[in-house]
């Protein structure tokens, strides 16, 4: 139904108005006066029109709707410089180098100072690297070890020289008397080989390749491949 004014509706016959009323689902309209019927039809038409316009606008807007706006903070939070745990972690870089990073809390140093007593004075912070290849390491059975003084650093690249080996590290203090006070022990890591593997897969031969030295003299003697397969190799 196209837009109609109140005057145009009033010019319709009552039967036409009743038909429009049924179209717009207007109940109890047969007893209404013509004026009331015109008013109800006009109201229903305007309501339907407004709903159609709203639905169209919503559909048009939803075509470009990307979801609720997400507001991001312009503040970039820096990673913390410490996490409050005394620990050391090893990572493999390549066959000859491992990377270590660590943290020593003030509480751990206070505990060491109390336990070491007079030996505390003159202590040096070190990272002790152990070669534990083929060992169930217990802290005292490494194949070899060496120390790296760490001073005020909290990470270090360590050259381990021998590839294809297993390593771990202790973070600790060396006392003036040569003793070692353990602060933390790292995870175990294994460096890769620096050369191709010495292990080779077996080379499989087919039966034809294995029997070639046998076939060749027989074929040269005049036997066919069918004779050989059937076992007819005697003249």
Protein backbone atom coordinates (compact mmCIF):
# COMPACT_ATOMS: atom_id res chain seq x y z
CA UNK A 1 0.00 0.00 0.00
CA UNK A 2 1.37 3.37 -1.02
CA UNK A 3 1.17 6.35 1.30
CA UNK A 4 -2.42 7.66 1.69
CA UNK A 5 -3.62 10.76 3.42
CA UNK A 6 -6.52 10.91 5.79
CA UNK A 7 -8.56 12.66 3.06
CA UNK A 8 -7.88 9.84 0.57
CA UNK A 9 -8.85 7.20 3.11
CA UNK A 10 -12.04 9.04 3.97
CA UNK A 11 -12.99 8.98 0.25
CA UNK A 12 -13.00 5.14 0.27
CA UNK A 13 -16.09 3.10 0.84
CA UNK A 14 -16.55 1.41 4.19
CA UNK A 15 -16.07 -2.03 2.63
CA UNK A 16 -12.68 -0.88 1.30
CA UNK A 17 -11.74 0.47 4.70
CA UNK A 18 -12.75 -2.82 6.33
CA UNK A 19 -10.52 -4.67 3.83
CA UNK A 20 -7.60 -2.44 4.80
CA UNK A 21 -8.43 -3.00 8.47
CA UNK A 22 -8.23 -6.78 7.98
CA UNK A 23 -4.92 -6.32 6.13
CA UNK A 24 -3.46 -4.46 9.10
CA UNK A 25 -5.08 -6.90 11.60
CA UNK A 26 -7.32 -4.32 13.24
CA UNK A 27 -9.82 -6.17 15.46
CA UNK A 28 -13.41 -5.20 16.29
CA UNK A 29 -13.68 -2.71 13.45
CA UNK A 30 -17.12 -3.59 11.98
CA UNK A 31 -19.00 -1.51 14.55
CA UNK A 32 -16.73 1.52 14.19
CA UNK A 33 -17.83 4.70 12.53
CA UNK A 34 -16.16 5.62 9.29
CA UNK A 35 -14.14 8.36 10.97
CA UNK A 36 -12.88 5.99 13.66
CA UNK A 37 -12.10 3.34 11.03
CA UNK A 38 -10.11 5.87 8.96
CA UNK A 39 -8.15 6.91 12.05
CA UNK A 40 -7.29 3.31 12.98
CA UNK A 41 -6.25 2.39 9.43
CA UNK A 42 -4.09 5.49 9.16
CA UNK A 43 -2.49 4.77 12.55
CA UNK A 44 -1.80 1.14 11.61
CA UNK A 45 -0.33 2.18 8.25
CA UNK A 46 2.02 4.73 9.84
CA UNK A 47 3.12 2.21 12.47
CA UNK A 48 3.92 -0.41 9.80
CA UNK A 49 5.77 2.16 7.74
CA UNK A 50 7.92 3.30 10.67
CA UNK A 51 8.79 -0.30 11.56
CA UNK A 52 9.81 -0.98 7.96
CA UNK A 53 12.02 2.11 7.91
CA UNK A 54 13.61 1.13 11.22
CA UNK A 55 14.32 -2.42 9.99
CA UNK A 56 15.84 -1.07 6.80
CA UNK A 57 18.07 1.33 8.70
CA UNK A 58 19.15 -1.42 11.10
CA UNK A 59 19.94 -3.79 8.23
CA UNK A 60 21.92 -1.11 6.44
CA UNK A 61 23.87 -0.27 9.58
CA UNK A 62 24.57 -3.94 10.43
CA UNK A 63 26.23 -4.39 7.05
CA UNK A 64 29.17 -2.32 8.28
CA UNK A 65 28.99 -3.31 11.98
CA UNK A 66 32.30 -4.76 13.17
CA UNK A 67 31.29 -5.38 16.76
CA UNK A 68 31.59 -3.25 19.88
CA UNK A 69 34.39 -0.75 19.92
CA UNK A 70 37.45 -2.00 21.75
CA UNK A 71 39.45 0.64 23.52
CA UNK A 72 43.13 -0.11 23.96
CA UNK A 73 45.28 1.47 26.55
CA UNK A 74 47.92 3.76 25.13
CA UNK A 75 50.15 2.89 28.07
CA UNK A 76 52.74 0.21 27.25
CA UNK A 77 53.55 -1.82 30.34
CA UNK A 78 57.17 -2.88 30.58
CA UNK A 79 58.07 -6.43 31.54
CA UNK A 80 59.07 -6.70 35.19
CA UNK A 81 62.79 -6.75 35.90
CA UNK A 82 62.31 -9.49 38.51
CA UNK A 83 59.73 -12.06 39.61
CA UNK A 84 60.71 -12.56 43.24
CA UNK A 85 62.27 -16.04 42.83
CA UNK A 86 65.87 -17.12 43.03
CA UNK A 87 66.39 -19.31 39.98
CA UNK A 88 68.56 -19.94 36.94
CA UNK A 89 67.45 -21.19 33.52
CA UNK A 90 69.54 -22.59 30.65
CA UNK A 91 68.61 -22.42 26.95
CA UNK A 92 70.51 -23.92 24.02
CA UNK A 93 71.63 -21.49 21.32
CA UNK A 94 73.66 -23.82 19.06
CA UNK A 95 76.14 -26.73 19.40
CA UNK A 96 78.74 -24.53 21.13
CA UNK A 97 76.74 -21.98 23.13
CA UNK A 98 74.08 -21.95 25.84
CA UNK A 99 72.24 -18.94 27.20
CA UNK A 100 71.63 -18.53 30.92
CA UNK A 101 69.44 -16.07 32.78
CA UNK A 102 68.83 -15.84 36.50
CA UNK A 103 67.50 -13.90 39.43
CA UNK A 104 68.81 -13.69 43.00
CA UNK A 105 66.42 -12.22 45.55
CA UNK A 106 67.61 -10.13 48.53
CA UNK A 107 66.03 -12.74 50.82
CA UNK A 108 68.27 -15.45 49.36
CA UNK A 109 71.35 -13.31 49.92
CA UNK A 110 70.27 -12.54 53.50
CA UNK A 111 69.90 -16.26 54.15
CA UNK A 112 73.35 -16.95 52.67
CA UNK A 113 74.89 -14.17 54.78
CA UNK A 114 73.37 -15.65 57.95
CA UNK A 115 74.42 -19.24 57.13
CA UNK A 116 77.95 -18.39 55.94
CA UNK A 117 78.74 -16.10 58.83
CA UNK A 118 82.30 -14.82 58.59
CA UNK A 119 82.80 -16.62 55.27
CA UNK A 120 80.26 -14.28 53.69
CA UNK A 121 82.76 -11.46 53.42
CA UNK A 122 84.68 -11.71 50.17
CA UNK A 123 82.24 -14.12 48.48
CA UNK A 124 82.02 -14.05 44.67
CA UNK A 125 78.84 -14.75 42.67
CA UNK A 126 79.44 -17.44 40.07
CA UNK A 127 77.62 -19.68 37.63
CA UNK A 128 79.09 -23.18 37.68
CA UNK A 129 78.54 -25.09 34.41
CA UNK A 130 78.51 -28.90 34.62
CA UNK A 131 78.95 -31.42 31.81
CA UNK A 132 76.53 -34.14 32.86
CA UNK A 133 76.49 -36.22 29.68
CA UNK A 134 75.34 -39.81 30.43
CA UNK A 135 75.09 -38.97 34.13
CA UNK A 136 72.27 -39.08 36.64
CA UNK A 137 73.56 -35.87 38.14
CA UNK A 138 73.61 -35.60 41.93
CA UNK A 139 75.70 -32.44 42.25
CA UNK A 140 79.03 -34.22 42.67
CA UNK A 141 79.40 -36.64 39.75
CA UNK A 142 79.73 -34.37 36.71
CA UNK A 143 82.18 -35.24 33.94
CA UNK A 144 83.67 -31.77 34.30
CA UNK A 145 82.77 -28.24 35.36
CA UNK A 146 83.94 -24.64 35.13
CA UNK A 147 82.95 -21.36 36.75
CA UNK A 148 81.83 -18.06 35.22
CA UNK A 149 81.88 -14.99 37.46
CA UNK A 150 78.63 -13.10 36.98
CA UNK A 151 79.19 -9.98 39.08
CA UNK A 152 76.09 -7.76 38.62
CA UNK A 153 74.76 -9.40 35.44
CA UNK A 154 71.50 -11.35 35.23
CA UNK A 155 72.08 -13.19 31.93
CA UNK A 156 75.05 -14.60 30.04
CA UNK A 157 76.03 -16.47 26.88
CA UNK A 158 78.33 -19.34 27.81
CA UNK A 159 80.60 -21.17 25.36
CA UNK A 160 80.62 -24.87 26.23
CA UNK A 161 83.16 -25.99 23.56
CA UNK A 162 81.91 -29.57 23.18
CA UNK A 163 78.75 -30.15 21.09
CA UNK A 164 76.32 -33.02 21.53
CA UNK A 165 76.64 -32.91 25.32
CA UNK A 166 74.30 -32.44 28.29
CA UNK A 167 74.73 -29.51 30.67
CA UNK A 168 73.26 -27.88 33.74
CA UNK A 169 74.34 -24.95 35.91
CA UNK A 170 74.48 -23.96 39.55
CA UNK A 171 74.03 -20.38 40.70
CA UNK A 172 76.04 -19.80 43.83
CA UNK A 173 78.71 -18.12 45.89
CA UNK A 174 82.39 -19.02 46.19
CA UNK A 175 83.79 -18.19 49.62
CA UNK A 176 87.34 -16.90 50.21
CA UNK A 177 88.15 -20.35 51.58
CA UNK A 178 87.11 -21.98 48.26
CA UNK A 179 83.77 -23.35 49.40
CA UNK A 180 80.69 -23.25 47.17
CA UNK A 181 77.30 -22.11 48.49
CA UNK A 182 74.41 -23.18 46.25
CA UNK A 183 71.65 -20.66 45.57
CA UNK A 184 69.81 -22.42 42.74
CA UNK A 185 70.25 -25.25 40.20
CA UNK A 186 69.11 -24.96 36.59
CA UNK A 187 67.27 -27.26 34.24
CA UNK A 188 69.22 -29.76 32.11
CA UNK A 189 69.86 -29.04 28.43
CA UNK A 190 71.50 -30.92 25.56
CA UNK A 191 73.39 -29.24 22.75
CA UNK A 192 73.00 -30.60 19.20
CA UNK A 193 75.66 -32.17 17.05
CA UNK A 194 77.94 -29.91 15.02
CA UNK A 195 78.38 -32.51 12.24
CA UNK A 196 76.13 -34.94 10.36
CA UNK A 197 75.15 -38.04 12.30
CA UNK A 198 77.48 -41.03 12.17
CA UNK A 199 74.46 -43.35 12.21
CA UNK A 200 73.34 -44.41 8.75
CA UNK A 201 70.25 -46.36 7.78
CA UNK A 202 70.83 -49.79 6.28
CA UNK A 203 70.86 -49.98 2.50
CA UNK A 204 68.34 -52.55 1.35
CA UNK A 205 68.99 -54.58 -1.81
CA UNK A 206 66.30 -56.13 -3.91
CA UNK A 207 66.46 -59.85 -4.78
CA UNK A 208 67.30 -58.88 -8.34
CA UNK A 209 70.35 -56.94 -7.18
CA UNK A 210 71.47 -59.77 -4.92
CA UNK A 211 71.11 -62.39 -7.67
CA UNK A 212 72.61 -60.30 -10.48
CA UNK A 213 76.04 -61.96 -10.13
CA UNK A 214 74.28 -65.33 -10.59
CA UNK A 215 71.97 -64.28 -13.43
CA UNK A 216 74.61 -62.70 -15.61
CA UNK A 217 76.77 -65.83 -16.28
CA UNK A 218 73.64 -67.92 -16.92
CA UNK A 219 72.22 -65.42 -19.37
CA UNK A 220 75.56 -65.28 -21.16
CA UNK A 221 75.45 -69.09 -21.41
CA UNK A 222 72.22 -68.96 -23.41
CA UNK A 223 69.61 -69.51 -20.72
CA UNK A 224 66.54 -67.26 -20.77
CA UNK A 225 65.18 -65.53 -17.71
CA UNK A 226 62.25 -67.97 -17.85
CA UNK A 227 64.64 -70.91 -17.69
CA UNK A 228 66.39 -69.41 -14.70
CA UNK A 229 63.12 -68.77 -12.85
CA UNK A 230 61.92 -72.32 -13.62
CA UNK A 231 65.19 -73.84 -12.49
CA UNK A 232 66.12 -75.18 -15.96
CA UNK A 233 69.80 -74.31 -15.76
CA UNK A 234 71.30 -77.63 -16.88
CA UNK A 235 71.99 -78.46 -20.53
